[in-house]
Every structure is written in C-alpha cells, then in structure tokens.
Protein backbone atom coordinates (compact mmCIF):
# COMPACT_ATOMS: atom_id res chain seq x y z
CA MET A 1 0.00 0.00 0.00
CA LYS A 2 1.27 3.44 -0.93
CA THR A 3 0.45 6.47 1.20
CA GLN A 4 0.15 9.76 -0.64
CA GLU A 5 -0.80 13.34 0.20
CA LEU A 6 -2.89 14.75 -2.64
CA LYS A 7 -3.07 18.50 -3.21
CA ILE A 8 -6.52 19.60 -4.35
CA GLU A 9 -7.49 22.90 -5.94
CA GLY A 10 -10.86 24.58 -5.47
CA MET A 11 -11.86 23.41 -2.00
CA SER A 12 -13.09 26.12 0.37
CA CYS A 13 -15.43 24.64 2.99
CA HIS A 14 -16.58 21.61 4.95
CA HIS A 15 -18.94 20.63 2.12
CA CYS A 16 -15.92 20.42 -0.20
CA VAL A 17 -14.16 18.14 2.27
CA MET A 18 -17.18 15.84 2.50
CA ALA A 19 -17.65 15.71 -1.29
CA VAL A 20 -14.01 14.71 -1.87
CA ARG A 21 -14.11 12.15 0.96
CA LYS A 22 -17.27 10.61 -0.51
CA GLU A 23 -15.88 10.26 -4.05
CA LEU A 24 -12.49 8.91 -2.96
CA GLY A 25 -14.28 6.52 -0.61
CA LYS A 26 -16.14 4.97 -3.56
CA LEU A 27 -12.87 3.70 -5.06
CA GLU A 28 -11.95 0.09 -4.39
CA ASN A 29 -8.49 -0.51 -2.90
CA VAL A 30 -8.31 3.08 -1.57
CA LYS A 31 -8.35 3.98 2.12
CA VAL A 32 -9.06 7.64 2.87
CA GLU A 33 -7.02 8.63 5.93
CA ASN A 34 -7.75 12.36 6.09
CA VAL A 35 -9.36 15.06 3.98
CA GLN A 36 -9.09 18.76 4.71
CA ILE A 37 -9.45 21.92 2.68
CA GLY A 38 -6.83 21.70 -0.09
CA SER A 39 -5.61 18.16 0.48
CA ALA A 40 -6.39 14.51 1.07
CA LYS A 41 -4.21 11.75 2.50
CA VAL A 42 -4.92 8.32 1.06
CA GLN A 43 -3.50 4.81 1.06
CA TYR A 44 -3.95 2.71 -2.06
CA ASP A 45 -2.79 -0.43 -3.80
CA GLU A 46 -0.57 0.80 -6.66
CA SER A 47 -1.17 -2.39 -8.64
CA LYS A 48 -4.93 -1.68 -8.78
CA VAL A 49 -5.26 2.11 -8.50
CA ASP A 50 -3.30 4.82 -10.29
CA GLU A 51 -3.21 8.59 -9.95
CA LYS A 52 -5.61 8.95 -12.90
CA LYS A 53 -8.34 7.14 -10.93
CA LEU A 54 -7.72 9.35 -7.91
CA ALA A 55 -7.83 12.47 -10.11
CA ALA A 56 -11.07 11.31 -11.74
CA ALA A 57 -12.73 10.83 -8.35
CA ILE A 58 -11.63 14.30 -7.24
CA GLU A 59 -12.92 15.79 -10.50
CA GLU A 60 -16.24 13.96 -10.00
CA ALA A 61 -16.52 15.85 -6.69
CA GLY A 62 -15.95 19.11 -8.59
CA TYR A 63 -12.29 19.82 -7.77
CA LYS A 64 -8.88 19.40 -9.38
CA LEU A 65 -5.87 17.31 -8.36
CA VAL A 66 -2.74 19.48 -8.59
CA ASN A 67 -0.03 16.90 -7.81
C-alpha cells in the first residue's frame, strides 16, 4: 500500500471536504485517511489504482488534483 498526500485545488469549505471524501471513498483498494481543505491523505494499492483514478474521483466531486 502506498500512502500519498494529494493536493486539491478549489476546496473552500466543509462541504468540499465531505464531497471529496465521498468520491475517494467509492474507489476500491483506496483507504481515505484524512481530507481537509486543499488536500487529502490516502493509502492505495498501486497495482490496482493509479493517480488517474484518484484524479477522476476528485474531479467527479468538482475539484482538481494538482499533484
């Protein structure tokens, strides 16, 4: 499992945090450790999840991955 801090653009409130947490939480093989305004810390299985999947989930929530 890889642990990564993701930098996220466009978040400004608690609703943003919850939206990102919800979308990342839908991904299989991803454990959401912490989400706060501007970032998320996740653990994931690199053999099953790549950064594109993480970025797509963040975009689905309405924000942009800036890593």
